[in-house]
Protein backbone atom coordinates (compact mmCIF):
# COMPACT_ATOMS: atom_id res chain seq x y z
CA UNK A 1 -73.02 118.22 -81.76
CA UNK A 2 -76.34 118.50 -83.56
CA UNK A 3 -74.66 117.28 -86.89
CA UNK A 4 -73.10 114.20 -85.22
CA UNK A 5 -74.26 110.77 -84.83
CA UNK A 6 -74.77 109.88 -81.07
CA UNK A 7 -71.94 107.40 -81.57
CA UNK A 8 -69.27 110.44 -81.97
CA UNK A 9 -69.73 111.08 -77.99
CA UNK A 10 -68.45 107.77 -77.15
CA UNK A 11 -65.51 107.72 -79.68
CA UNK A 12 -64.68 111.48 -77.77
CA UNK A 13 -64.98 109.96 -74.48
CA UNK A 14 -62.42 107.20 -75.30
CA UNK A 15 -60.22 109.89 -76.88
CA UNK A 16 -60.44 111.94 -73.66
CA UNK A 17 -59.56 108.54 -71.66
CA UNK A 18 -56.69 107.76 -73.59
CA UNK A 19 -55.18 111.13 -73.51
CA UNK A 20 -55.09 110.75 -69.76
CA UNK A 21 -53.72 107.18 -69.78
CA UNK A 22 -51.68 107.67 -72.85
CA UNK A 23 -51.01 103.70 -73.59
CA UNK A 24 -54.58 102.90 -74.31
CA UNK A 25 -56.26 101.83 -77.65
CA UNK A 26 -59.87 101.66 -78.25
CA UNK A 27 -62.06 100.57 -80.92
CA UNK A 28 -65.89 100.70 -81.50
CA UNK A 29 -68.46 99.42 -84.45
CA UNK A 30 -70.15 102.51 -85.47
CA UNK A 31 -72.66 103.95 -88.01
CA UNK A 32 -70.63 104.59 -91.17
CA UNK A 33 -71.74 108.23 -91.53
CA UNK A 34 -68.95 109.28 -89.24
CA UNK A 35 -67.08 108.57 -92.00
CA UNK A 36 -68.43 110.42 -94.58
CA UNK A 37 -69.88 113.97 -95.49
CA UNK A 38 -69.74 117.03 -93.10
CA UNK A 39 -69.46 114.70 -89.73
CA UNK A 40 -65.84 114.12 -91.12
CA UNK A 41 -64.04 117.68 -91.13
CA UNK A 42 -66.51 118.62 -87.73
CA UNK A 43 -65.30 115.39 -85.78
CA UNK A 44 -62.19 113.85 -86.96
CA UNK A 45 -59.46 116.53 -86.60
CA UNK A 46 -60.37 117.07 -82.69
CA UNK A 47 -59.77 113.02 -81.91
CA UNK A 48 -56.91 112.72 -84.44
CA UNK A 49 -54.82 115.38 -82.58
CA UNK A 50 -53.74 113.01 -80.12
CA UNK A 51 -54.99 109.36 -81.67
CA UNK A 52 -54.69 107.68 -85.48
CA UNK A 53 -56.51 105.29 -86.78
CA UNK A 54 -54.84 101.88 -86.30
CA UNK A 55 -57.10 99.73 -88.17
CA UNK A 56 -60.37 99.87 -89.53
CA UNK A 57 -63.28 97.78 -91.34
CA UNK A 58 -64.77 99.94 -94.51
CA UNK A 59 -68.65 99.50 -94.37
CA UNK A 60 -70.53 96.71 -94.10
CA UNK A 61 -74.22 95.74 -93.37
CA UNK A 62 -75.03 94.52 -89.91
CA UNK A 63 -78.39 92.83 -89.30
CA UNK A 64 -79.64 91.99 -85.76
CA UNK A 65 -81.81 88.90 -84.65
CA UNK A 66 -84.69 91.06 -84.14
CA UNK A 67 -88.39 90.20 -85.78
CA UNK A 68 -87.72 93.47 -87.71
CA UNK A 69 -84.52 92.43 -89.00
CA UNK A 70 -83.21 96.05 -88.85
CA UNK A 71 -80.10 96.45 -91.06
CA UNK A 72 -77.43 99.14 -90.63
CA UNK A 73 -74.61 100.02 -92.56
CA UNK A 74 -71.84 100.20 -90.10
CA UNK A 75 -67.84 100.10 -89.79
CA UNK A 76 -65.25 99.19 -87.45
CA UNK A 77 -62.96 101.60 -86.14
CA UNK A 78 -59.73 101.43 -84.04
CA UNK A 79 -57.89 104.20 -82.42
CA UNK A 80 -54.29 104.29 -80.82
CA UNK A 81 -51.66 106.86 -79.71
CA UNK A 82 -50.23 108.93 -82.91
CA UNK A 83 -46.52 107.60 -81.87
CA UNK A 84 -47.60 103.78 -82.84
CA UNK A 85 -46.50 103.27 -86.39
CA UNK A 86 -48.62 101.17 -89.04
CA UNK A 87 -52.17 100.62 -89.59
CA UNK A 88 -54.34 97.78 -91.11
CA UNK A 89 -57.61 98.28 -93.08
CA UNK A 90 -60.26 95.49 -93.63
CA UNK A 91 -62.18 95.52 -96.87
CA UNK A 92 -64.07 92.72 -96.92
CA UNK A 93 -61.83 89.84 -97.28
CA UNK A 94 -59.10 92.34 -98.90
CA UNK A 95 -56.43 93.19 -95.70
CA UNK A 96 -53.90 95.97 -96.26
CA UNK A 97 -51.13 96.91 -94.34
CA UNK A 98 -50.83 100.65 -94.68
CA UNK A 99 -48.71 103.64 -93.19
CA UNK A 100 -52.14 105.48 -92.23
CA UNK A 101 -55.64 105.50 -92.62
CA UNK A 102 -57.79 108.96 -93.12
CA UNK A 103 -61.47 109.44 -91.34
CA UNK A 104 -62.73 108.53 -94.82
CA UNK A 105 -61.39 104.79 -94.28
CA UNK A 106 -58.69 105.20 -97.23
CA UNK A 107 -55.26 104.77 -97.02
CA UNK A 108 -53.86 107.93 -97.21
CA UNK A 109 -52.95 110.59 -94.64
CA UNK A 110 -56.12 112.56 -92.91
CA UNK A 111 -57.26 115.19 -95.25
CA UNK A 112 -60.44 117.03 -94.35
CA UNK A 113 -63.01 117.98 -97.15
CA UNK A 114 -65.00 120.89 -96.26
CA UNK A 115 -68.12 122.11 -98.24
CA UNK A 116 -67.64 125.05 -100.51
CA UNK A 117 -70.39 127.38 -101.80
CA UNK A 118 -68.62 127.56 -105.11
CA UNK A 119 -66.13 125.35 -106.87
CA UNK A 120 -62.62 125.73 -105.84
CA UNK A 121 -61.47 124.65 -109.10
CA UNK A 122 -63.34 126.31 -111.11
CA UNK A 123 -66.41 124.29 -112.34
CA UNK A 124 -69.89 125.88 -113.25
CA UNK A 125 -71.92 126.53 -110.61
CA UNK A 126 -74.43 123.91 -109.33
CA UNK A 127 -77.71 124.75 -108.16
CA UNK A 128 -80.80 123.32 -106.45
CA UNK A 129 -83.73 122.31 -108.59
CA UNK A 130 -87.04 124.45 -107.87
CA UNK A 131 -89.21 123.53 -104.65
CA UNK A 132 -92.94 124.11 -104.77
CA UNK A 133 -93.82 123.55 -101.19
CA UNK A 134 -97.34 123.94 -102.40
CA UNK A 135 -99.00 120.72 -100.44
CA UNK A 136 -99.07 119.43 -103.79
CA UNK A 137 -101.42 121.53 -105.97
CA UNK A 138 -98.89 123.01 -108.31
CA UNK A 139 -97.99 119.50 -109.58
CA UNK A 140 -99.64 117.64 -112.34
CA UNK A 141 -99.93 113.94 -113.41
CA UNK A 142 -100.30 113.33 -117.07
CA UNK A 143 -103.71 112.51 -116.62
CA UNK A 144 -104.66 115.74 -114.78
CA UNK A 145 -102.66 117.85 -117.19
CA UNK A 146 -104.48 116.29 -120.54
CA UNK A 147 -107.70 116.68 -118.71
CA UNK A 148 -107.02 120.57 -117.76
CA UNK A 149 -105.52 121.17 -121.68
CA UNK A 150 -108.40 118.87 -123.63
CA UNK A 151 -111.03 121.35 -121.46
CA UNK A 152 -108.80 124.83 -121.81
CA UNK A 153 -106.40 124.11 -124.62
CA UNK A 154 -104.82 127.71 -124.17
CA UNK A 155 -103.95 126.55 -120.71
CA UNK A 156 -100.99 124.54 -121.77
CA UNK A 157 -98.78 127.69 -121.89
CA UNK A 158 -98.78 127.71 -118.09
CA UNK A 159 -97.95 123.88 -117.86
CA UNK A 160 -94.08 122.49 -118.01
CA UNK A 161 -92.50 119.17 -117.91
CA UNK A 162 -91.26 118.45 -114.32
CA UNK A 163 -88.65 115.78 -113.46
CA UNK A 164 -87.57 114.94 -110.00
CA UNK A 165 -84.86 112.37 -109.54
CA UNK A 166 -87.09 109.44 -109.97
CA UNK A 167 -88.40 110.96 -113.04
CA UNK A 168 -84.60 111.33 -114.18
CA UNK A 169 -83.77 107.85 -113.19
CA UNK A 170 -86.78 106.04 -114.51
CA UNK A 171 -88.02 108.06 -117.52
CA UNK A 172 -91.29 108.93 -116.07
CA UNK A 173 -93.16 112.40 -116.65
CA UNK A 174 -95.00 114.78 -114.42
CA UNK A 175 -95.81 118.27 -115.47
CA UNK A 176 -96.30 121.49 -113.11
CA UNK A 177 -97.91 124.45 -113.04
CA UNK A 178 -95.32 127.31 -114.09
CA UNK A 179 -96.55 130.73 -113.92
CA UNK A 180 -94.75 134.41 -113.82
CA UNK A 181 -95.77 137.13 -111.90
CA UNK A 182 -97.39 139.11 -115.10
CA UNK A 183 -99.08 136.07 -116.09
CA UNK A 184 -100.78 135.41 -112.90
CA UNK A 185 -104.34 136.94 -113.51
CA UNK A 186 -104.48 135.42 -116.93
CA UNK A 187 -103.86 131.83 -115.38
CA UNK A 188 -106.51 132.69 -112.81
CA UNK A 189 -108.98 132.69 -115.55
CA UNK A 190 -108.87 128.69 -115.90
CA UNK A 191 -111.05 127.29 -113.16
CA UNK A 192 -108.54 124.16 -112.56
CA UNK A 193 -105.93 126.36 -111.85
CA UNK A 194 -108.01 128.77 -109.66
CA UNK A 195 -108.83 125.83 -107.38
CA UNK A 196 -105.27 124.65 -106.98
CA UNK A 197 -103.95 128.21 -106.38
CA UNK A 198 -106.39 128.73 -103.75
CA UNK A 199 -105.49 125.54 -102.25
CA UNK A 200 -101.24 126.75 -102.31
CA UNK A 201 -102.29 129.91 -100.46
CA UNK A 202 -104.43 128.19 -97.60
CA UNK A 203 -101.40 125.39 -97.42
CA UNK A 204 -98.62 127.97 -97.26
CA UNK A 205 -100.78 130.40 -94.78
CA UNK A 206 -101.63 127.27 -92.42
CA UNK A 207 -97.50 126.45 -92.80
CA UNK A 208 -96.07 125.99 -89.56
CA UNK A 209 -92.86 127.15 -91.34
CA UNK A 210 -92.25 130.93 -91.00
CA UNK A 211 -90.27 130.84 -94.23
CA UNK A 212 -93.38 129.17 -96.21
CA UNK A 213 -95.92 131.44 -94.92
CA UNK A 214 -94.97 134.61 -96.69
CA UNK A 215 -94.89 132.96 -99.93
CA UNK A 216 -98.69 132.66 -99.31
CA UNK A 217 -98.87 136.05 -101.00
CA UNK A 218 -97.48 134.22 -104.52
CA UNK A 219 -99.38 130.98 -104.26
CA UNK A 220 -99.13 130.68 -108.21
CA UNK A 221 -95.18 130.28 -108.02
CA UNK A 222 -93.13 127.56 -106.92
CA UNK A 223 -91.47 128.65 -103.25
CA UNK A 224 -88.53 128.40 -104.61
CA UNK A 225 -87.15 128.72 -108.44
CA UNK A 226 -83.74 128.44 -109.79
CA UNK A 227 -82.15 130.23 -112.55
CA UNK A 228 -83.99 130.75 -115.92
CA UNK A 229 -82.95 128.16 -118.11
CA UNK A 230 -82.06 129.42 -121.76
CA UNK A 231 -81.20 126.55 -123.79
CA UNK A 232 -80.61 123.47 -121.40
CA UNK A 233 -80.15 121.98 -118.11
CA UNK A 234 -77.95 119.22 -116.55
CA UNK A 235 -79.92 117.36 -113.92
CA UNK A 236 -78.25 114.96 -111.13
CA UNK A 237 -80.17 113.24 -108.97
CA UNK A 238 -79.43 113.95 -105.52
CA UNK A 239 -80.14 110.10 -104.24
CA UNK A 240 -78.95 107.35 -106.40
CA UNK A 241 -78.48 103.43 -105.93
CA UNK A 242 -74.92 102.60 -105.09
CA UNK A 243 -75.19 99.46 -107.09
CA UNK A 244 -75.17 101.53 -110.40
CA UNK A 245 -71.76 101.56 -111.91
CA UNK A 246 -71.86 105.20 -112.90
CA UNK A 247 -74.05 108.26 -111.61
CA UNK A 248 -77.02 108.99 -113.49
CA UNK A 249 -76.84 112.37 -115.30
CA UNK A 250 -79.57 113.81 -117.80
CA UNK A 251 -79.69 116.70 -120.38
CA UNK A 252 -82.76 118.00 -120.73
CA UNK A 253 -84.00 120.86 -122.40
CA UNK A 254 -84.99 124.63 -121.21
CA UNK A 255 -88.85 123.56 -121.49
CA UNK A 256 -88.49 121.25 -118.33
CA UNK A 257 -88.65 122.20 -114.95
CA UNK A 258 -86.31 120.36 -112.07
CA UNK A 259 -87.53 119.51 -108.51
CA UNK A 260 -85.23 120.42 -105.83
CA UNK A 261 -84.73 116.69 -105.62
CA UNK A 262 -81.85 117.04 -108.38
CA UNK A 263 -79.00 119.19 -108.53
CA UNK A 264 -78.72 121.44 -111.65
CA UNK A 265 -76.49 122.74 -114.01
CA UNK A 266 -78.25 125.59 -115.94
CA UNK A 267 -77.28 125.92 -119.53
CA UNK A 268 -73.55 124.35 -118.62
CA UNK A 269 -71.13 123.00 -121.22
CA UNK A 270 -71.28 119.63 -122.10
CA UNK A 271 -68.32 118.50 -120.68
CA UNK A 272 -69.56 118.37 -117.25
CA UNK A 273 -71.62 115.40 -118.24
CA UNK A 274 -68.20 113.65 -119.30
CA UNK A 275 -67.01 114.43 -115.48
CA UNK A 276 -70.53 113.51 -113.87
CA UNK A 277 -70.77 110.09 -115.74
CA UNK A 278 -66.87 109.37 -115.00
CA UNK A 279 -65.68 106.33 -112.52
CA UNK A 280 -63.70 109.06 -110.75
CA UNK A 281 -66.28 111.30 -109.91
CA UNK A 282 -68.56 108.40 -108.50
CA UNK A 283 -65.53 107.28 -106.06
CA UNK A 284 -65.28 111.05 -104.95
CA UNK A 285 -68.97 111.20 -104.43
CA UNK A 286 -68.80 108.16 -102.54
CA UNK A 287 -66.04 109.05 -100.25
CA UNK A 288 -67.16 112.62 -99.54
CA UNK A 289 -70.43 112.65 -99.66
CA UNK A 290 -73.00 111.42 -96.81
CA UNK A 291 -75.38 108.64 -97.89
CA UNK A 292 -79.02 107.65 -97.23
CA UNK A 293 -78.82 104.04 -96.07
CA UNK A 294 -76.56 102.49 -98.63
CA UNK A 295 -77.33 104.93 -101.37
CA UNK A 296 -75.04 107.91 -102.71
CA UNK A 297 -75.99 111.16 -101.41
CA UNK A 298 -75.19 113.90 -104.13
CA UNK A 299 -74.22 117.43 -102.77
CA UNK A 300 -73.21 120.29 -104.77
CA UNK A 301 -71.22 121.84 -101.95
CA UNK A 302 -69.49 118.82 -100.81
CA UNK A 303 -69.28 116.74 -104.18
CA UNK A 304 -69.34 118.76 -107.03
CA UNK A 305 -67.83 122.42 -105.43
CA UNK A 306 -64.62 120.11 -104.11
CA UNK A 307 -64.09 117.96 -106.91
CA UNK A 308 -60.54 117.91 -108.20
CA UNK A 309 -59.71 118.71 -111.52
CA UNK A 310 -56.51 119.75 -113.57
CA UNK A 311 -56.73 122.65 -115.78
CA UNK A 312 -58.03 121.68 -118.79
CA UNK A 313 -57.21 123.01 -122.25
CA UNK A 314 -59.60 123.82 -124.76
CA UNK A 315 -58.69 120.92 -126.81
CA UNK A 316 -59.45 118.44 -123.84
CA UNK A 317 -62.39 120.14 -123.14
CA UNK A 318 -63.89 119.74 -126.66
CA UNK A 319 -62.90 116.23 -126.52
CA UNK A 320 -64.60 115.66 -123.17
CA UNK A 321 -67.87 117.25 -124.65
CA UNK A 322 -67.64 114.97 -127.70
CA UNK A 323 -67.41 112.41 -125.35
CA UNK A 324 -70.33 113.22 -123.24
CA UNK A 325 -72.43 113.53 -126.38
CA UNK A 326 -71.47 109.94 -127.47
CA UNK A 327 -72.41 108.71 -124.22
CA UNK A 328 -76.02 110.30 -124.31
CA UNK A 329 -76.02 109.38 -128.06
CA UNK A 330 -75.42 105.50 -126.98
CA UNK A 331 -78.14 105.90 -124.48
CA UNK A 332 -80.89 107.44 -126.74
CA UNK A 333 -80.20 104.47 -129.44
CA UNK A 334 -81.31 102.15 -126.69
CA UNK A 335 -84.61 104.10 -125.97
CA UNK A 336 -87.11 103.38 -124.78
CA UNK A 337 -85.04 101.83 -122.06
CA UNK A 338 -84.15 104.32 -118.78
CA UNK A 339 -81.38 105.38 -116.98
CA UNK A 340 -82.54 102.30 -114.40
CA UNK A 341 -82.38 99.77 -116.94
CA UNK A 342 -79.50 101.00 -118.87
CA UNK A 343 -77.43 101.15 -115.52
CA UNK A 344 -78.58 97.75 -113.97
CA UNK A 345 -74.83 96.37 -113.14
CA UNK A 346 -76.18 92.93 -114.58
CA UNK A 347 -77.81 94.19 -117.78
CA UNK A 348 -75.77 97.41 -118.76
CA UNK A 349 -75.43 97.15 -122.79
CA UNK A 350 -72.24 96.38 -123.92
CA UNK A 351 -71.59 99.68 -126.20
CA UNK A 352 -72.85 101.70 -123.33
CA UNK A 353 -70.22 100.22 -121.08
CA UNK A 354 -67.73 100.77 -123.63
CA UNK A 355 -68.32 104.42 -124.25
CA UNK A 356 -68.41 105.05 -120.23
CA UNK A 357 -64.98 103.26 -120.35
CA UNK A 358 -63.66 105.28 -123.20
CA UNK A 359 -64.79 108.41 -121.26
CA UNK A 360 -62.93 107.10 -118.19
CA UNK A 361 -60.03 106.41 -120.33
CA UNK A 362 -60.03 109.92 -121.68
CA UNK A 363 -60.63 111.44 -118.58
CA UNK A 364 -57.96 109.97 -116.28
CA UNK A 365 -55.05 110.38 -118.88
CA UNK A 366 -55.67 114.06 -118.32
CA UNK A 367 -54.91 113.84 -114.86
CA UNK A 368 -51.95 111.32 -114.76
CA UNK A 369 -51.38 110.55 -118.45
CA UNK A 370 -52.68 107.09 -118.38
CA UNK A 371 -55.98 105.31 -116.82
CA UNK A 372 -55.77 105.13 -113.11
CA UNK A 373 -55.06 101.16 -112.02
CA UNK A 374 -57.97 101.16 -109.36
CA UNK A 375 -60.22 103.40 -107.18
CA UNK A 376 -57.23 103.38 -104.33
CA UNK A 377 -55.08 105.44 -106.73
CA UNK A 378 -58.28 107.57 -108.06
CA UNK A 379 -58.72 108.51 -104.63
CA UNK A 380 -55.25 109.12 -103.72
CA UNK A 381 -54.60 111.35 -106.60
CA UNK A 382 -57.65 113.53 -106.36
CA UNK A 383 -56.94 114.42 -102.36
CA UNK A 384 -53.59 115.36 -103.07
CA UNK A 385 -55.01 117.54 -105.36
CA UNK A 386 -57.51 118.84 -102.98
CA UNK A 387 -55.02 119.18 -100.47
CA UNK A 388 -52.79 121.06 -102.63
CA UNK A 389 -55.55 123.50 -103.80
CA UNK A 390 -56.75 123.94 -99.95
CA UNK A 391 -53.43 124.74 -99.04
CA UNK A 392 -52.82 127.35 -101.92
CA UNK A 393 -56.18 128.93 -101.07
CA UNK A 394 -55.11 129.41 -97.80
CA UNK A 395 -51.63 130.98 -98.21
CA UNK A 396 -53.64 133.34 -100.61
CA UNK A 397 -56.23 134.10 -97.97
CA UNK A 398 -53.42 135.05 -95.53
CA UNK A 399 -51.21 137.13 -97.95
CA UNK A 400 -54.64 139.12 -98.71
CA UNK A 401 -55.00 139.53 -95.07
CA UNK A 402 -51.49 140.81 -94.51
CA UNK A 403 -52.00 143.35 -97.08
CA UNK A 404 -55.27 144.81 -95.99
CA UNK A 405 -54.26 145.02 -92.13
CA UNK A 406 -50.46 146.79 -93.41
């Protein structure tokens, strides 16, 4: 229950009432978070045991008349007994008569996307970026970094570029102290590093978090470090504006440290960029992951590890890699414009829009032999692939258990 919005209680109580009086219909205006992310598989299976969604209005902004003019993203959901046929879906001014509505408020039968610790479709592993938990002492602005290097030129070997989500999207640069265990005594010889390392030790020692306090023994290191990068990393900001027509994604060299505000593919093949930068992936993330207000919240467990893909051939993977390179090359041709500049829906360059369209058509043709007509068709195909894969995995698991138990 701690993972559910308070409004879920009213849906639950109304369901109990409806089950006692089987002809009861009910509806609520609700925060839209109960139709997203982990709340869907946690909450809706119990409600839809006896009920069905008879009508729903997709997300819209609700403003009140208070002086602060609070804005909340809402949905409207009406339920009825399961034996009643038909449903109606409202999306802005578009009203559709459909056979069923899923808890994600799309016109398909209920399918629940559960988070997974690894990709169920065999995609490369996606991890978190590195988390400092340092009170800000291991992080350097450009000015701080320049000042230290000017005084102690050799100290530059302990400083790396450091990119969070804002740095990826807005082209900003920060730096961090990056010191390995065997280098700690050498780094401590530089007074600016010594001062910062001591401050980290004090910050972690005094932390109220029992997980943080033990790391005071290694104050020169980040609290959590991602895998060691050999050649490159692919960064995906964990929160991004829903206004952009594509999700932001960036490829950086091994000299860059990503913060935990990004999800990271370490040394992954380039074709992963073609997947992440597609319309297909955006609509999946928008549907199954939670949101922060109206912004997309990217999740590796819910969004990447569940993303349905067909079994690609080697030739298809090479074509996707080439497509990813064309997107990056086109973006770089507009330097110094940033991702924020380039993916403003009102200012996106025509050539960049064109290479993304080519990427979409290429990828979608690998699913159904042609580009999808609209987002509804995209989601219907993705959910069918997901449901089929989950069923296959469940069947294989049951057979394995049967063998183990004789």
